[in-house]
Amino acid sequence: MAKLAPPPAAPGDPLLGPLLGAPDAESRDMLVAALLQDHAETVIRKNLRFRLSSSSAEDLEDLHGTIVVRLLRKLEEIERGEAEPIASFADYVAIITHHAADDFLRRKFPERALFKNRLRYLLAHDTRFAVWHKRRRLFCGLAAWAGADATPLHHPPAALLDPKRLADSLLRLFAEVGAPLEVDALVSLFAIDESRPSTVEAREMGPSILERLSTRESLTTLWSEIELLPPRQRTALLLHFRDEQGQSALPLLVLTGTATMAHLAEMLSMTTMALAAVWSELPFDDNRIAGLLEATRQQIINLRKCARERLARRTRR
């Protein structure tokens, strides 16, 4: 009896074909840059504006940087054969943007996040209600409406909405509206104060805006001097660059707009994808940097010391 042929593998997005067949690192970096600029940028910004319309430009830029780093890691994993092909690049970008927005809202508004989880649990487990995805958006309503489109709300509902009597409130609301709603819009109808950060977050917000702007200006000045360092001094410094908590300080340069991932990679004599692959492993210890630069551990310490002394002299001017 003849063996049945295995089913064909699910094809990846044709947009990624040239990337997987790139002949060298330079070509690969150019293709990645084109993917981000021509196909990811619009999707990221459109979805962030939709999900986080009231957020500051600074928060949106921070999230944008986080999403780009995640995309670069995914593309690197696909190229190495460590991840399944992406069937639709645009859909994948939209999904990770939504996930990043969800992570941001959970951190910034924990009370709202807890309420949303409670609401979704009720909608999914109470047979009177239903919750469903459509066009990458989450809708909800009465069970009989499952799969239908949501209706926009042009004015606040008259129904009394009490988070402590959630099921009763939903029944009154859906009776008044007469159509499904988006889950995020529904959450916003309840008295969840989104304007005041939690006590924990207030303690973690740190310096004032003025202080942060001053810090950003200082970072820009520092970065301009780092660019002028000899390449080996610069690499020994940046790969070991730490903040007060001992974490890598390179994300701060990206999130503040002081430097881009591509420029950081250039300053480290790396490709953008190579830097993204080790981003979560930073900062490196001296032995690992020594291996990269084919030097001894003491030589790395000396290189970094010289770099710091030069920066101290030049930034005191």
C-alpha atoms as a PDB file:
ATOM      1  CA  MET A   1       0.000   0.000   0.000  1.00  0.00           C
ATOM      2  CA  ALA A   2       1.441   3.342  -1.082  1.00  0.00           C
ATOM      3  CA  LYS A   3       2.286   5.783   1.644  1.00  0.00           C
ATOM      4  CA  LEU A   4       0.323   8.992   1.725  1.00  0.00           C
ATOM      5  CA  ALA A   5       2.367  12.100   1.087  1.00  0.00           C
ATOM      6  CA  PRO A   6       2.609  14.432   4.087  1.00  0.00           C
ATOM      7  CA  PRO A   7       0.460  17.555   3.867  1.00  0.00           C
ATOM      8  CA  PRO A   8       2.307  20.571   2.486  1.00  0.00           C
ATOM      9  CA  ALA A   9       3.762  22.946   5.052  1.00  0.00           C
ATOM     10  CA  ALA A  10       1.807  26.101   5.656  1.00  0.00           C
ATOM     11  CA  PRO A  11       3.431  28.806   3.496  1.00  0.00           C
ATOM     12  CA  GLY A  12       4.832  31.900   5.132  1.00  0.00           C
ATOM     13  CA  ASP A  13       4.056  35.452   4.101  1.00  0.00           C
ATOM     14  CA  PRO A  14       5.695  36.146   0.690  1.00  0.00           C
ATOM     15  CA  LEU A  15       6.929  39.429   2.151  1.00  0.00           C
ATOM     16  CA  LEU A  16       9.445  37.457   4.217  1.00  0.00           C
ATOM     17  CA  GLY A  17      10.750  35.355   1.311  1.00  0.00           C
ATOM     18  CA  PRO A  18      13.542  37.760   0.269  1.00  0.00           C
ATOM     19  CA  LEU A  19      14.669  38.071   3.898  1.00  0.00           C
ATOM     20  CA  LEU A  20      15.071  34.313   4.300  1.00  0.00           C
ATOM     21  CA  GLY A  21      17.075  34.154   1.081  1.00  0.00           C
ATOM     22  CA  ALA A  22      19.296  37.174   1.776  1.00  0.00           C
ATOM     23  CA  PRO A  23      22.880  36.454   0.614  1.00  0.00           C
ATOM     24  CA  ASP A  24      24.666  38.433   3.352  1.00  0.00           C
ATOM     25  CA  ALA A  25      24.174  40.410   6.553  1.00  0.00           C
ATOM     26  CA  GLU A  26      24.115  43.787   4.819  1.00  0.00           C
ATOM     27  CA  SER A  27      21.351  42.704   2.439  1.00  0.00           C
ATOM     28  CA  ARG A  28      19.419  41.185   5.351  1.00  0.00           C
ATOM     29  CA  ASP A  29      19.596  44.403   7.367  1.00  0.00           C
ATOM     30  CA  MET A  30      18.345  46.424   4.393  1.00  0.00           C
ATOM     31  CA  LEU A  31      15.417  44.041   3.912  1.00  0.00           C
ATOM     32  CA  VAL A  32      14.554  44.182   7.630  1.00  0.00           C
ATOM     33  CA  ALA A  33      14.638  47.986   7.550  1.00  0.00           C
ATOM     34  CA  ALA A  34      12.305  47.981   4.531  1.00  0.00           C
ATOM     35  CA  LEU A  35       9.903  45.544   6.227  1.00  0.00           C
ATOM     36  CA  LEU A  36       9.701  47.745   9.304  1.00  0.00           C
ATOM     37  CA  GLN A  37       9.367  51.008   7.406  1.00  0.00           C
ATOM     38  CA  ASP A  38       7.038  49.923   4.578  1.00  0.00           C
ATOM     39  CA  HIS A  39       4.875  47.269   6.239  1.00  0.00           C
ATOM     40  CA  ALA A  40       5.114  47.416  10.044  1.00  0.00           C
ATOM     41  CA  GLU A  41       5.250  51.125  10.844  1.00  0.00           C
ATOM     42  CA  THR A  42       1.705  52.004   9.725  1.00  0.00           C
ATOM     43  CA  VAL A  43       0.188  48.954  11.424  1.00  0.00           C
ATOM     44  CA  ILE A  44       1.958  49.683  14.734  1.00  0.00           C
ATOM     45  CA  ARG A  45       1.037  53.364  14.859  1.00  0.00           C
ATOM     46  CA  LYS A  46      -2.558  52.804  13.730  1.00  0.00           C
ATOM     47  CA  ASN A  47      -3.183  50.138  16.379  1.00  0.00           C
ATOM     48  CA  LEU A  48      -1.459  52.091  19.160  1.00  0.00           C
ATOM     49  CA  ARG A  49      -3.567  55.162  18.357  1.00  0.00           C
ATOM     50  CA  PHE A  50      -6.704  53.025  18.405  1.00  0.00           C
ATOM     51  CA  ARG A  51      -5.933  51.255  21.685  1.00  0.00           C
ATOM     52  CA  LEU A  52      -4.184  54.096  23.542  1.00  0.00           C
ATOM     53  CA  SER A  53      -5.664  57.270  22.075  1.00  0.00           C
ATOM     54  CA  SER A  54      -5.367  59.187  25.369  1.00  0.00           C
ATOM     55  CA  SER A  55      -1.760  58.168  26.091  1.00  0.00           C
ATOM     56  CA  SER A  56       1.145  60.589  25.847  1.00  0.00           C
ATOM     57  CA  ALA A  57       3.397  60.742  22.800  1.00  0.00           C
ATOM     58  CA  GLU A  58       6.249  59.622  25.053  1.00  0.00           C
ATOM     59  CA  ASP A  59       4.398  56.467  26.152  1.00  0.00           C
ATOM     60  CA  LEU A  60       3.494  55.657  22.551  1.00  0.00           C
ATOM     61  CA  GLU A  61       7.095  56.042  21.400  1.00  0.00           C
ATOM     62  CA  ASP A  62       8.297  53.817  24.249  1.00  0.00           C
ATOM     63  CA  LEU A  63       5.818  51.128  23.225  1.00  0.00           C
ATOM     64  CA  HIS A  64       6.762  51.529  19.569  1.00  0.00           C
ATOM     65  CA  GLY A  65      10.393  50.757  20.447  1.00  0.00           C
ATOM     66  CA  THR A  66       9.367  47.697  22.473  1.00  0.00           C
ATOM     67  CA  ILE A  67       7.308  46.337  19.575  1.00  0.00           C
ATOM     68  CA  VAL A  68      10.129  46.824  17.061  1.00  0.00           C
ATOM     69  CA  VAL A  69      12.533  44.914  19.314  1.00  0.00           C
ATOM     70  CA  ARG A  70      10.038  42.027  19.568  1.00  0.00           C
ATOM     71  CA  LEU A  71       9.643  41.995  15.783  1.00  0.00           C
ATOM     72  CA  LEU A  72      13.400  41.896  15.239  1.00  0.00           C
ATOM     73  CA  ARG A  73      13.736  38.963  17.627  1.00  0.00           C
ATOM     74  CA  LYS A  74      10.955  37.071  15.855  1.00  0.00           C
ATOM     75  CA  LEU A  75      12.506  37.620  12.430  1.00  0.00           C
ATOM     76  CA  GLU A  76      15.863  36.417  13.759  1.00  0.00           C
ATOM     77  CA  GLU A  77      14.224  33.256  15.182  1.00  0.00           C
ATOM     78  CA  ILE A  78      12.509  32.539  11.847  1.00  0.00           C
ATOM     79  CA  GLU A  79      15.740  32.996   9.950  1.00  0.00           C
ATOM     80  CA  ARG A  80      17.522  30.546  12.276  1.00  0.00           C
ATOM     81  CA  GLY A  81      14.684  28.041  11.881  1.00  0.00           C
ATOM     82  CA  GLU A  82      13.727  28.350  15.574  1.00  0.00           C
ATOM     83  CA  ALA A  83      10.181  29.639  14.920  1.00  0.00           C
ATOM     84  CA  GLU A  84       7.346  28.787  12.559  1.00  0.00           C
ATOM     85  CA  PRO A  85       6.888  31.008   9.478  1.00  0.00           C
ATOM     86  CA  ILE A  86       4.534  33.973   9.836  1.00  0.00           C
ATOM     87  CA  ALA A  87       1.475  33.419   7.654  1.00  0.00           C
ATOM     88  CA  SER A  88       0.615  37.134   7.582  1.00  0.00           C
ATOM     89  CA  PHE A  89       3.232  39.692   8.589  1.00  0.00           C
ATOM     90  CA  ALA A  90       0.630  42.471   8.960  1.00  0.00           C
ATOM     91  CA  ASP A  91      -1.549  40.309  11.213  1.00  0.00           C
ATOM     92  CA  TYR A  92       1.444  39.321  13.338  1.00  0.00           C
ATOM     93  CA  VAL A  93       2.467  42.978  13.766  1.00  0.00           C
ATOM     94  CA  ALA A  94      -1.100  43.854  14.796  1.00  0.00           C
ATOM     95  CA  ILE A  95      -1.210  41.007  17.322  1.00  0.00           C
ATOM     96  CA  ILE A  96       2.056  41.866  19.073  1.00  0.00           C
ATOM     97  CA  THR A  97       1.037  45.543  19.086  1.00  0.00           C
ATOM     98  CA  HIS A  98      -2.203  44.626  20.864  1.00  0.00           C
ATOM     99  CA  HIS A  99      -0.278  42.486  23.345  1.00  0.00           C
ATOM    100  CA  ALA A 100       2.156  45.337  24.036  1.00  0.00           C
ATOM    101  CA  ALA A 101      -0.769  47.710  24.563  1.00  0.00           C
ATOM    102  CA  ASP A 102      -2.392  45.226  26.960  1.00  0.00           C
ATOM    103  CA  ASP A 103       0.861  44.923  28.923  1.00  0.00           C
ATOM    104  CA  PHE A 104       1.096  48.717  29.129  1.00  0.00           C
ATOM    105  CA  LEU A 105      -2.482  49.107  30.389  1.00  0.00           C
ATOM    106  CA  ARG A 106      -2.004  46.378  32.995  1.00  0.00           C
ATOM    107  CA  ARG A 107       1.047  48.178  34.374  1.00  0.00           C
ATOM    108  CA  LYS A 108      -0.390  51.682  34.232  1.00  0.00           C
ATOM    109  CA  PHE A 109      -3.977  50.939  35.286  1.00  0.00           C
ATOM    110  CA  PRO A 110      -4.000  47.753  37.396  1.00  0.00           C
ATOM    111  CA  GLU A 111      -7.535  48.381  38.712  1.00  0.00           C
ATOM    112  CA  ARG A 112      -8.907  48.574  35.167  1.00  0.00           C
ATOM    113  CA  ALA A 113      -6.977  45.433  34.158  1.00  0.00           C
ATOM    114  CA  LEU A 114      -8.390  43.463  37.096  1.00  0.00           C
ATOM    115  CA  PHE A 115     -11.912  44.632  36.286  1.00  0.00           C
ATOM    116  CA  LYS A 116     -11.493  43.721  32.600  1.00  0.00           C
ATOM    117  CA  ASN A 117     -10.378  40.190  33.552  1.00  0.00           C
ATOM    118  CA  ARG A 118     -13.383  39.829  35.833  1.00  0.00           C
ATOM    119  CA  LEU A 119     -15.702  41.094  33.085  1.00  0.00           C
ATOM    120  CA  ARG A 120     -14.300  38.700  30.482  1.00  0.00           C
ATOM    121  CA  TYR A 121     -14.623  35.778  32.857  1.00  0.00           C
ATOM    122  CA  LEU A 122     -18.305  36.577  33.425  1.00  0.00           C
ATOM    123  CA  LEU A 123     -18.998  37.042  29.711  1.00  0.00           C
ATOM    124  CA  ALA A 124     -17.343  33.711  28.896  1.00  0.00           C
ATOM    125  CA  HIS A 125     -18.951  31.651  31.704  1.00  0.00           C
ATOM    126  CA  ASP A 126     -22.460  33.103  32.097  1.00  0.00           C
ATOM    127  CA  THR A 127     -24.644  31.478  29.424  1.00  0.00           C
ATOM    128  CA  ARG A 128     -26.706  34.657  29.063  1.00  0.00           C
ATOM    129  CA  PHE A 129     -23.689  36.422  27.532  1.00  0.00           C
ATOM    130  CA  ALA A 130     -21.065  35.808  24.851  1.00  0.00           C
ATOM    131  CA  VAL A 131     -17.651  37.198  23.941  1.00  0.00           C
ATOM    132  CA  TRP A 132     -16.048  36.791  20.500  1.00  0.00           C
ATOM    133  CA  HIS A 133     -13.218  37.998  18.264  1.00  0.00           C
ATOM    134  CA  LYS A 134     -13.873  39.625  14.912  1.00  0.00           C
ATOM    135  CA  ARG A 135     -11.319  41.455  12.728  1.00  0.00           C
ATOM    136  CA  ARG A 136      -8.781  41.193  15.584  1.00  0.00           C
ATOM    137  CA  ARG A 137     -11.162  43.040  17.958  1.00  0.00           C
ATOM    138  CA  LEU A 138     -13.006  41.662  20.978  1.00  0.00           C
ATOM    139  CA  PHE A 139     -16.807  42.042  21.076  1.00  0.00           C
ATOM    140  CA  CYS A 140     -19.403  41.034  23.653  1.00  0.00           C
ATOM    141  CA  GLY A 141     -23.153  41.025  24.200  1.00  0.00           C
ATOM    142  CA  LEU A 142     -26.088  38.735  24.783  1.00  0.00           C
ATOM    143  CA  ALA A 143     -25.597  35.118  23.751  1.00  0.00           C
ATOM    144  CA  ALA A 144     -28.031  35.508  20.844  1.00  0.00           C
ATOM    145  CA  TRP A 145     -25.845  38.231  19.329  1.00  0.00           C
ATOM    146  CA  ALA A 146     -22.629  36.183  19.162  1.00  0.00           C
ATOM    147  CA  GLY A 147     -20.635  36.983  16.019  1.00  0.00           C
ATOM    148  CA  ALA A 148     -22.417  40.256  15.227  1.00  0.00           C
ATOM    149  CA  ASP A 149     -20.740  43.623  14.826  1.00  0.00           C
ATOM    150  CA  ALA A 150     -20.619  46.119  17.684  1.00  0.00           C
ATOM    151  CA  THR A 151     -22.502  49.392  17.780  1.00  0.00           C
ATOM    152  CA  PRO A 152     -20.772  52.701  18.535  1.00  0.00           C
ATOM    153  CA  LEU A 153     -22.006  54.570  21.613  1.00  0.00           C
ATOM    154  CA  HIS A 154     -22.692  58.229  20.877  1.00  0.00           C
ATOM    155  CA  HIS A 155     -23.826  59.116  24.405  1.00  0.00           C
ATOM    156  CA  PRO A 156     -23.476  57.573  27.892  1.00  0.00           C
ATOM    157  CA  PRO A 157     -26.087  54.909  28.682  1.00  0.00           C
ATOM    158  CA  ALA A 158     -28.867  55.697  31.119  1.00  0.00           C
ATOM    159  CA  ALA A 159     -28.604  52.251  32.723  1.00  0.00           C
ATOM    160  CA  LEU A 160     -27.068  52.262  36.195  1.00  0.00           C
ATOM    161  CA  LEU A 161     -23.772  50.376  36.020  1.00  0.00           C
ATOM    162  CA  ASP A 162     -22.539  48.883  39.264  1.00  0.00           C
ATOM    163  CA  PRO A 163     -19.265  46.875  39.179  1.00  0.00           C
ATOM    164  CA  LYS A 164     -20.436  45.026  42.315  1.00  0.00           C
ATOM    165  CA  ARG A 165     -23.586  43.789  40.523  1.00  0.00           C
ATOM    166  CA  LEU A 166     -21.938  43.141  37.203  1.00  0.00           C
ATOM    167  CA  ALA A 167     -24.325  40.629  35.589  1.00  0.00           C
ATOM    168  CA  ASP A 168     -27.416  42.716  36.395  1.00  0.00           C
ATOM    169  CA  SER A 169     -25.678  45.831  35.091  1.00  0.00           C
ATOM    170  CA  LEU A 170     -24.798  44.101  31.819  1.00  0.00           C
ATOM    171  CA  LEU A 171     -28.365  42.901  31.295  1.00  0.00           C
ATOM    172  CA  ARG A 172     -29.693  46.448  31.800  1.00  0.00           C
ATOM    173  CA  LEU A 173     -27.045  47.931  29.536  1.00  0.00           C
ATOM    174  CA  PHE A 174     -27.539  45.474  26.665  1.00  0.00           C
ATOM    175  CA  ALA A 175     -31.325  45.929  26.917  1.00  0.00           C
ATOM    176  CA  GLU A 176     -30.817  49.677  26.480  1.00  0.00           C
ATOM    177  CA  VAL A 177     -28.211  49.517  23.711  1.00  0.00           C
ATOM    178  CA  GLY A 178     -29.770  46.608  21.830  1.00  0.00           C
ATOM    179  CA  ALA A 179     -26.509  45.531  20.152  1.00  0.00           C
ATOM    180  CA  PRO A 180     -23.030  44.201  20.970  1.00  0.00           C
ATOM    181  CA  LEU A 181     -20.224  46.405  22.282  1.00  0.00           C
ATOM    182  CA  GLU A 182     -16.458  46.247  22.116  1.00  0.00           C
ATOM    183  CA  VAL A 183     -15.071  44.934  25.398  1.00  0.00           C
ATOM    184  CA  ASP A 184     -12.710  47.900  25.826  1.00  0.00           C
ATOM    185  CA  ALA A 185     -15.583  50.336  25.275  1.00  0.00           C
ATOM    186  CA  LEU A 186     -17.676  48.407  27.801  1.00  0.00           C
ATOM    187  CA  VAL A 187     -14.936  48.565  30.441  1.00  0.00           C
ATOM    188  CA  SER A 188     -14.771  52.338  30.001  1.00  0.00           C
ATOM    189  CA  LEU A 189     -18.482  52.674  30.820  1.00  0.00           C
ATOM    190  CA  PHE A 190     -17.942  51.475  34.364  1.00  0.00           C
ATOM    191  CA  ALA A 191     -16.619  53.736  37.101  1.00  0.00           C
ATOM    192  CA  ILE A 192     -12.988  52.623  36.836  1.00  0.00           C
ATOM    193  CA  ASP A 193     -10.751  55.628  37.428  1.00  0.00           C
ATOM    194  CA  GLU A 194      -8.084  55.509  34.729  1.00  0.00           C
ATOM    195  CA  SER A 195      -6.738  58.991  35.367  1.00  0.00           C
ATOM    196  CA  ARG A 196      -5.052  58.175  38.682  1.00  0.00           C
ATOM    197  CA  PRO A 197      -2.159  55.683  38.708  1.00  0.00           C
ATOM    198  CA  SER A 198      -2.027  53.084  41.420  1.00  0.00           C
ATOM    199  CA  THR A 199      -0.073  53.721  44.628  1.00  0.00           C
ATOM    200  CA  VAL A 200       2.625  51.297  43.502  1.00  0.00           C
ATOM    201  CA  GLU A 201       3.023  53.027  40.165  1.00  0.00           C
ATOM    202  CA  ALA A 202       3.087  56.474  41.777  1.00  0.00           C
ATOM    203  CA  ARG A 203       6.095  55.337  43.801  1.00  0.00           C
ATOM    204  CA  GLU A 204       7.786  54.019  40.661  1.00  0.00           C
ATOM    205  CA  MET A 205       7.162  57.014  38.406  1.00  0.00           C
ATOM    206  CA  GLY A 206      10.379  58.615  39.655  1.00  0.00           C
ATOM    207  CA  PRO A 207      11.582  62.067  38.581  1.00  0.00           C
ATOM    208  CA  SER A 208       9.360  64.911  37.457  1.00  0.00           C
ATOM    209  CA  ILE A 209       8.886  65.665  33.752  1.00  0.00           C
ATOM    210  CA  LEU A 210      11.391  68.534  34.031  1.00  0.00           C
ATOM    211  CA  GLU A 211      13.969  66.222  35.590  1.00  0.00           C
ATOM    212  CA  ARG A 212      13.333  63.596  32.935  1.00  0.00           C
ATOM    213  CA  LEU A 213      13.773  66.169  30.163  1.00  0.00           C
ATOM    214  CA  SER A 214      16.994  67.295  31.786  1.00  0.00           C
ATOM    215  CA  THR A 215      18.103  63.663  31.919  1.00  0.00           C
ATOM    216  CA  ARG A 216      17.232  63.242  28.240  1.00  0.00           C
ATOM    217  CA  GLU A 217      19.330  66.286  27.337  1.00  0.00           C
ATOM    218  CA  SER A 218      22.208  64.864  29.380  1.00  0.00           C
ATOM    219  CA  LEU A 219      21.861  61.529  27.589  1.00  0.00           C
ATOM    220  CA  THR A 220      22.016  63.252  24.214  1.00  0.00           C
ATOM    221  CA  THR A 221      25.211  65.047  25.214  1.00  0.00           C
ATOM    222  CA  LEU A 222      26.693  61.833  26.602  1.00  0.00           C
ATOM    223  CA  TRP A 223      25.792  59.874  23.476  1.00  0.00           C
ATOM    224  CA  SER A 224      27.413  62.420  21.188  1.00  0.00           C
ATOM    225  CA  GLU A 225      30.656  61.900  23.133  1.00  0.00           C
ATOM    226  CA  ILE A 226      30.297  58.097  23.156  1.00  0.00           C
ATOM    227  CA  GLU A 227      30.100  58.174  19.354  1.00  0.00           C
ATOM    228  CA  LEU A 228      33.570  59.777  19.288  1.00  0.00           C
ATOM    229  CA  LEU A 229      35.220  57.067  21.402  1.00  0.00           C
ATOM    230  CA  PRO A 230      37.618  54.604  19.744  1.00  0.00           C
ATOM    231  CA  PRO A 231      35.614  51.535  18.624  1.00  0.00           C
ATOM    232  CA  ARG A 232      37.054  49.095  21.190  1.00  0.00           C
ATOM    233  CA  GLN A 233      36.559  51.531  24.077  1.00  0.00           C
ATOM    234  CA  ARG A 234      33.003  52.183  22.876  1.00  0.00           C
ATOM    235  CA  THR A 235      32.147  48.474  22.684  1.00  0.00           C
ATOM    236  CA  ALA A 236      33.666  47.723  26.109  1.00  0.00           C
ATOM    237  CA  LEU A 237      31.607  50.564  27.577  1.00  0.00           C
ATOM    238  CA  LEU A 238      28.243  50.017  25.868  1.00  0.00           C
ATOM    239  CA  LEU A 239      27.979  46.250  26.270  1.00  0.00           C
ATOM    240  CA  HIS A 240      28.579  46.728  30.008  1.00  0.00           C
ATOM    241  CA  PHE A 241      26.523  49.963  30.295  1.00  0.00           C
ATOM    242  CA  ARG A 242      24.296  49.673  33.404  1.00  0.00           C
ATOM    243  CA  ASP A 243      21.677  51.737  35.206  1.00  0.00           C
ATOM    244  CA  GLU A 244      21.386  52.161  38.992  1.00  0.00           C
ATOM    245  CA  GLN A 245      19.582  48.803  39.292  1.00  0.00           C
ATOM    246  CA  GLY A 246      22.334  46.963  37.418  1.00  0.00           C
ATOM    247  CA  GLN A 247      20.226  46.529  34.267  1.00  0.00           C
ATOM    248  CA  SER A 248      21.443  47.427  30.796  1.00  0.00           C
ATOM    249  CA  ALA A 249      21.140  51.161  30.121  1.00  0.00           C
ATOM    250  CA  LEU A 250      20.956  50.709  26.338  1.00  0.00           C
ATOM    251  CA  PRO A 251      17.117  50.466  26.321  1.00  0.00           C
ATOM    252  CA  LEU A 252      17.064  53.914  27.951  1.00  0.00           C
ATOM    253  CA  LEU A 253      18.947  55.314  24.962  1.00  0.00           C
ATOM    254  CA  VAL A 254      16.377  53.814  22.579  1.00  0.00           C
ATOM    255  CA  LEU A 255      13.264  54.664  24.595  1.00  0.00           C
ATOM    256  CA  THR A 256      14.310  58.310  25.018  1.00  0.00           C
ATOM    257  CA  GLY A 257      15.062  58.641  21.318  1.00  0.00           C
ATOM    258  CA  THR A 258      18.742  59.310  22.033  1.00  0.00           C
ATOM    259  CA  ALA A 259      19.803  56.513  19.664  1.00  0.00           C
ATOM    260  CA  THR A 260      18.053  53.986  17.458  1.00  0.00           C
ATOM    261  CA  MET A 261      18.622  50.244  17.548  1.00  0.00           C
ATOM    262  CA  ALA A 262      20.241  50.461  14.117  1.00  0.00           C
ATOM    263  CA  HIS A 263      22.669  53.169  15.242  1.00  0.00           C
ATOM    264  CA  LEU A 264      23.522  51.298  18.449  1.00  0.00           C
ATOM    265  CA  ALA A 265      24.272  48.216  16.380  1.00  0.00           C
ATOM    266  CA  GLU A 266      26.496  50.281  14.079  1.00  0.00           C
ATOM    267  CA  MET A 267      28.412  51.706  17.055  1.00  0.00           C
ATOM    268  CA  LEU A 268      28.951  48.138  18.321  1.00  0.00           C
ATOM    269  CA  SER A 269      30.017  46.847  14.882  1.00  0.00           C
ATOM    270  CA  MET A 270      27.004  44.502  14.884  1.00  0.00           C
ATOM    271  CA  THR A 271      23.992  43.996  12.648  1.00  0.00           C
ATOM    272  CA  THR A 272      20.644  45.201  13.955  1.00  0.00           C
ATOM    273  CA  MET A 273      19.328  41.650  14.099  1.00  0.00           C
ATOM    274  CA  ALA A 274      22.426  40.424  15.942  1.00  0.00           C
ATOM    275  CA  LEU A 275      21.928  43.127  18.577  1.00  0.00           C
ATOM    276  CA  ALA A 276      18.220  42.315  18.890  1.00  0.00           C
ATOM    277  CA  ALA A 277      19.100  38.644  19.418  1.00  0.00           C
ATOM    278  CA  VAL A 278      21.177  39.423  22.529  1.00  0.00           C
ATOM    279  CA  TRP A 279      19.149  42.436  23.731  1.00  0.00           C
ATOM    280  CA  SER A 280      17.585  40.555  26.650  1.00  0.00           C
ATOM    281  CA  GLU A 281      21.026  39.217  27.728  1.00  0.00           C
ATOM    282  CA  LEU A 282      22.592  42.664  28.220  1.00  0.00           C
ATOM    283  CA  PRO A 283      24.606  43.878  30.038  1.00  0.00           C
ATOM    284  CA  PHE A 284      27.488  41.522  29.241  1.00  0.00           C
ATOM    285  CA  ASP A 285      30.115  40.648  31.828  1.00  0.00           C
ATOM    286  CA  ASP A 286      33.785  41.386  31.170  1.00  0.00           C
ATOM    287  CA  ASN A 287      34.633  37.815  30.143  1.00  0.00           C
ATOM    288  CA  ARG A 288      31.973  37.777  27.432  1.00  0.00           C
ATOM    289  CA  ILE A 289      33.087  41.164  26.090  1.00  0.00           C
ATOM    290  CA  ALA A 290      36.687  39.929  26.159  1.00  0.00           C
ATOM    291  CA  GLY A 291      35.683  36.981  23.996  1.00  0.00           C
ATOM    292  CA  LEU A 292      34.008  39.251  21.452  1.00  0.00           C
ATOM    293  CA  LEU A 293      36.983  41.604  21.242  1.00  0.00           C
ATOM    294  CA  GLU A 294      39.586  38.837  21.471  1.00  0.00           C
ATOM    295  CA  ALA A 295      41.122  40.501  24.521  1.00  0.00           C
ATOM    296  CA  THR A 296      41.767  39.651  28.152  1.00  0.00           C
ATOM    297  CA  ARG A 297      39.375  40.549  30.933  1.00  0.00           C
ATOM    298  CA  GLN A 298      41.872  43.100  32.310  1.00  0.00           C
ATOM    299  CA  GLN A 299      42.188  44.725  28.899  1.00  0.00           C
ATOM    300  CA  ILE A 300      38.399  45.164  28.776  1.00  0.00           C
ATOM    301  CA  ILE A 301      38.442  46.772  32.237  1.00  0.00           C
ATOM    302  CA  ASN A 302      41.223  49.109  31.080  1.00  0.00           C
ATOM    303  CA  LEU A 303      39.368  50.011  27.865  1.00  0.00           C
ATOM    304  CA  ARG A 304      36.228  50.881  29.800  1.00  0.00           C
ATOM    305  CA  LYS A 305      38.200  52.878  32.365  1.00  0.00           C
ATOM    306  CA  CYS A 306      39.821  54.944  29.608  1.00  0.00           C
ATOM    307  CA  ALA A 307      36.396  55.509  28.006  1.00  0.00           C
ATOM    308  CA  ARG A 308      34.869  56.709  31.276  1.00  0.00           C
ATOM    309  CA  GLU A 309      37.774  59.027  32.036  1.00  0.00           C
ATOM    310  CA  ARG A 310      37.524  60.581  28.586  1.00  0.00           C
ATOM    311  CA  LEU A 311      33.751  61.016  28.893  1.00  0.00           C
ATOM    312  CA  ALA A 312      34.133  62.566  32.340  1.00  0.00           C
ATOM    313  CA  ARG A 313      36.623  65.115  31.012  1.00  0.00           C
ATOM    314  CA  ARG A 314      34.601  66.046  27.950  1.00  0.00           C
ATOM    315  CA  THR A 315      31.157  66.242  29.623  1.00  0.00           C
ATOM    316  CA  ARG A 316      32.500  68.544  32.377  1.00  0.00           C
ATOM    317  CA  ARG A 317      33.189  71.259  29.831  1.00  0.00           C
END
